[in-house]
N, C-alpha and C. Protein backbone atom coordinates (compact mmCIF):
# COMPACT_ATOMS: atom_id res chain seq x y z
N SER A 1 95.42 107.62 84.34
CA SER A 1 95.61 109.01 83.96
C SER A 1 96.29 109.07 82.60
N MET A 2 95.81 109.93 81.75
CA MET A 2 96.40 110.05 80.41
C MET A 2 97.82 110.57 80.47
N ARG A 3 98.20 111.26 81.55
CA ARG A 3 99.58 111.73 81.67
C ARG A 3 100.55 110.56 81.69
N ARG A 4 100.12 109.44 82.24
CA ARG A 4 101.01 108.30 82.39
C ARG A 4 101.22 107.55 81.08
N ILE A 5 100.30 107.70 80.13
CA ILE A 5 100.45 106.96 78.88
C ILE A 5 100.77 107.89 77.71
N SER A 6 101.33 109.03 78.01
CA SER A 6 101.74 109.93 76.93
C SER A 6 103.26 109.88 76.78
N ARG A 7 103.69 110.10 75.58
CA ARG A 7 105.12 110.16 75.29
C ARG A 7 105.41 111.47 74.59
N HIS A 8 106.65 111.86 74.62
CA HIS A 8 107.04 113.07 73.92
C HIS A 8 107.68 112.69 72.60
N ARG A 9 107.29 113.39 71.55
CA ARG A 9 107.94 113.20 70.26
C ARG A 9 109.31 113.84 70.30
N ARG A 10 110.07 113.63 69.29
CA ARG A 10 111.42 114.20 69.25
C ARG A 10 111.42 115.72 69.31
N ASN A 11 110.38 116.34 68.79
CA ASN A 11 110.32 117.80 68.83
C ASN A 11 109.75 118.32 70.14
N GLY A 12 109.44 117.43 71.10
CA GLY A 12 109.01 117.85 72.42
C GLY A 12 107.51 117.92 72.64
N THR A 13 106.71 117.70 71.58
CA THR A 13 105.27 117.76 71.77
C THR A 13 104.74 116.39 72.18
N PRO A 14 103.74 116.37 73.06
CA PRO A 14 103.22 115.08 73.53
C PRO A 14 102.56 114.29 72.41
N HIS A 15 102.66 112.99 72.52
CA HIS A 15 102.04 112.08 71.55
C HIS A 15 101.36 110.97 72.35
N GLN A 16 100.05 110.83 72.21
CA GLN A 16 99.32 109.79 72.93
C GLN A 16 99.58 108.43 72.29
N LEU A 17 99.83 107.46 73.14
CA LEU A 17 100.01 106.10 72.65
C LEU A 17 98.67 105.53 72.21
N ARG A 18 98.66 104.81 71.15
CA ARG A 18 97.44 104.15 70.68
C ARG A 18 97.61 102.66 70.96
N ARG A 19 97.10 102.21 72.07
CA ARG A 19 97.23 100.81 72.45
C ARG A 19 95.92 100.09 72.19
N LYS A 20 96.04 98.88 71.65
CA LYS A 20 94.87 98.07 71.41
C LYS A 20 94.53 97.30 72.68
N PRO A 21 93.25 97.19 73.02
CA PRO A 21 92.88 96.37 74.17
C PRO A 21 93.31 94.93 73.92
N PHE A 22 93.74 94.26 74.96
CA PHE A 22 94.19 92.88 74.78
C PHE A 22 93.35 91.89 75.57
N GLY A 23 92.23 92.32 76.06
CA GLY A 23 91.35 91.41 76.77
C GLY A 23 90.35 92.18 77.60
N GLU A 24 89.61 91.43 78.40
CA GLU A 24 88.65 92.04 79.28
C GLU A 24 88.64 91.29 80.60
N VAL A 25 88.19 91.98 81.63
CA VAL A 25 88.14 91.40 82.96
C VAL A 25 86.69 91.26 83.37
N HIS A 26 86.28 90.07 83.72
CA HIS A 26 84.92 89.82 84.20
C HIS A 26 84.93 90.01 85.71
N LEU A 27 84.46 91.16 86.14
CA LEU A 27 84.54 91.52 87.55
C LEU A 27 83.66 90.66 88.43
N LYS A 28 82.58 90.12 87.90
CA LYS A 28 81.68 89.30 88.72
C LYS A 28 82.40 88.11 89.33
N VAL A 29 83.39 87.57 88.63
CA VAL A 29 84.11 86.40 89.13
C VAL A 29 85.52 86.75 89.61
N SER A 30 85.82 88.04 89.71
CA SER A 30 87.14 88.49 90.12
C SER A 30 87.14 88.97 91.56
N SER A 31 88.32 88.98 92.16
CA SER A 31 88.46 89.58 93.49
C SER A 31 89.42 90.76 93.40
N ILE A 32 89.14 91.79 94.17
CA ILE A 32 89.91 93.04 94.15
C ILE A 32 90.54 93.20 95.52
N ARG A 33 91.86 93.39 95.54
CA ARG A 33 92.58 93.50 96.81
C ARG A 33 93.48 94.73 96.79
N GLU A 34 93.55 95.41 97.93
CA GLU A 34 94.50 96.51 98.11
C GLU A 34 95.80 95.95 98.66
N SER A 35 96.91 96.50 98.23
CA SER A 35 98.22 96.08 98.73
C SER A 35 98.39 96.54 100.17
N LYS A 36 98.99 95.69 100.98
CA LYS A 36 99.29 96.07 102.36
C LYS A 36 100.62 96.81 102.46
N SER A 37 101.51 96.61 101.49
CA SER A 37 102.85 97.20 101.56
C SER A 37 102.98 98.53 100.80
N ASP A 38 102.04 98.83 99.90
CA ASP A 38 102.11 100.06 99.10
C ASP A 38 100.71 100.65 99.02
N ASP A 39 100.54 101.85 99.52
CA ASP A 39 99.20 102.44 99.59
C ASP A 39 98.68 102.96 98.24
N LYS A 40 99.43 102.74 97.16
CA LYS A 40 98.95 103.11 95.84
C LYS A 40 98.65 101.90 94.96
N ARG A 41 99.04 100.73 95.39
CA ARG A 41 98.87 99.52 94.57
C ARG A 41 97.62 98.74 94.94
N PHE A 42 97.05 98.09 93.92
CA PHE A 42 95.95 97.16 94.14
C PHE A 42 96.00 96.11 93.05
N SER A 43 95.28 95.02 93.24
CA SER A 43 95.32 93.95 92.26
C SER A 43 93.93 93.39 92.03
N ILE A 44 93.75 92.82 90.86
CA ILE A 44 92.52 92.15 90.49
C ILE A 44 92.90 90.71 90.13
N PHE A 45 92.31 89.75 90.83
CA PHE A 45 92.56 88.34 90.53
C PHE A 45 91.36 87.81 89.78
N THR A 46 91.59 87.33 88.55
CA THR A 46 90.50 86.92 87.67
C THR A 46 90.16 85.44 87.81
N GLY A 47 90.92 84.72 88.57
CA GLY A 47 90.74 83.28 88.65
C GLY A 47 91.86 82.56 87.92
N THR A 48 92.38 83.18 86.87
CA THR A 48 93.51 82.61 86.14
C THR A 48 94.71 83.55 86.09
N LYS A 49 94.46 84.85 86.22
CA LYS A 49 95.54 85.84 86.15
C LYS A 49 95.37 86.86 87.25
N ARG A 50 96.49 87.46 87.66
CA ARG A 50 96.46 88.54 88.63
C ARG A 50 97.00 89.80 87.94
N LEU A 51 96.21 90.85 87.96
CA LEU A 51 96.60 92.13 87.38
C LEU A 51 97.06 93.04 88.51
N HIS A 52 98.30 93.49 88.45
CA HIS A 52 98.84 94.40 89.47
C HIS A 52 98.78 95.81 88.91
N LEU A 53 98.11 96.69 89.65
CA LEU A 53 97.89 98.05 89.19
C LEU A 53 98.38 99.03 90.24
N ARG A 54 98.73 100.23 89.79
CA ARG A 54 99.20 101.26 90.72
C ARG A 54 98.54 102.58 90.35
N ALA A 55 97.92 103.20 91.33
CA ALA A 55 97.25 104.49 91.13
C ALA A 55 98.24 105.63 91.35
N GLU A 56 97.83 106.83 91.00
CA GLU A 56 98.67 108.01 91.18
C GLU A 56 98.81 108.40 92.65
N SER A 57 97.77 108.09 93.44
CA SER A 57 97.78 108.48 94.85
C SER A 57 96.95 107.49 95.66
N ARG A 58 97.03 107.61 96.97
CA ARG A 58 96.22 106.77 97.87
C ARG A 58 94.73 107.03 97.61
N GLU A 59 94.36 108.28 97.39
CA GLU A 59 92.98 108.64 97.13
C GLU A 59 92.49 108.05 95.81
N ASP A 60 93.35 108.07 94.78
CA ASP A 60 92.99 107.47 93.50
C ASP A 60 92.78 105.96 93.65
N ARG A 61 93.65 105.31 94.42
CA ARG A 61 93.48 103.87 94.64
C ARG A 61 92.14 103.60 95.29
N TYR A 62 91.81 104.37 96.31
CA TYR A 62 90.53 104.20 96.99
C TYR A 62 89.37 104.34 95.99
N ALA A 63 89.45 105.37 95.13
CA ALA A 63 88.38 105.61 94.15
C ALA A 63 88.28 104.46 93.16
N TRP A 64 89.43 103.94 92.69
CA TRP A 64 89.43 102.82 91.76
C TRP A 64 88.82 101.57 92.39
N VAL A 65 89.27 101.25 93.59
CA VAL A 65 88.77 100.05 94.25
C VAL A 65 87.27 100.17 94.51
N GLU A 66 86.83 101.33 94.97
CA GLU A 66 85.40 101.55 95.22
C GLU A 66 84.59 101.40 93.93
N ALA A 67 85.07 102.00 92.84
CA ALA A 67 84.36 101.93 91.56
C ALA A 67 84.30 100.50 91.03
N LEU A 68 85.43 99.79 91.09
CA LEU A 68 85.45 98.41 90.62
C LEU A 68 84.53 97.53 91.46
N GLN A 69 84.55 97.73 92.77
CA GLN A 69 83.69 96.94 93.66
C GLN A 69 82.22 97.25 93.40
N ALA A 70 81.89 98.52 93.13
CA ALA A 70 80.51 98.89 92.85
C ALA A 70 80.01 98.23 91.56
N VAL A 71 80.85 98.19 90.54
CA VAL A 71 80.49 97.54 89.29
C VAL A 71 80.33 96.04 89.50
N LYS A 72 81.21 95.47 90.28
CA LYS A 72 81.17 94.03 90.56
C LYS A 72 79.87 93.66 91.29
N ASP A 73 79.50 94.46 92.29
CA ASP A 73 78.29 94.18 93.08
C ASP A 73 77.04 94.41 92.27
């Protein structure tokens, strides 16, 4: 969500962060897992690294995992 990556300037107006991509994830060789302890967290294991992610809601996590799995398949 863009709300999560916005910051406020000193005068109070929002300022979007400009972050450079630092890599890519090859989903064909990755595994996607939902957290058992937190219904908003999920992770992607690439074979060498594990990316821990957290959605805004349980429904968002479900949508993310479904979308990632669909792309992978």
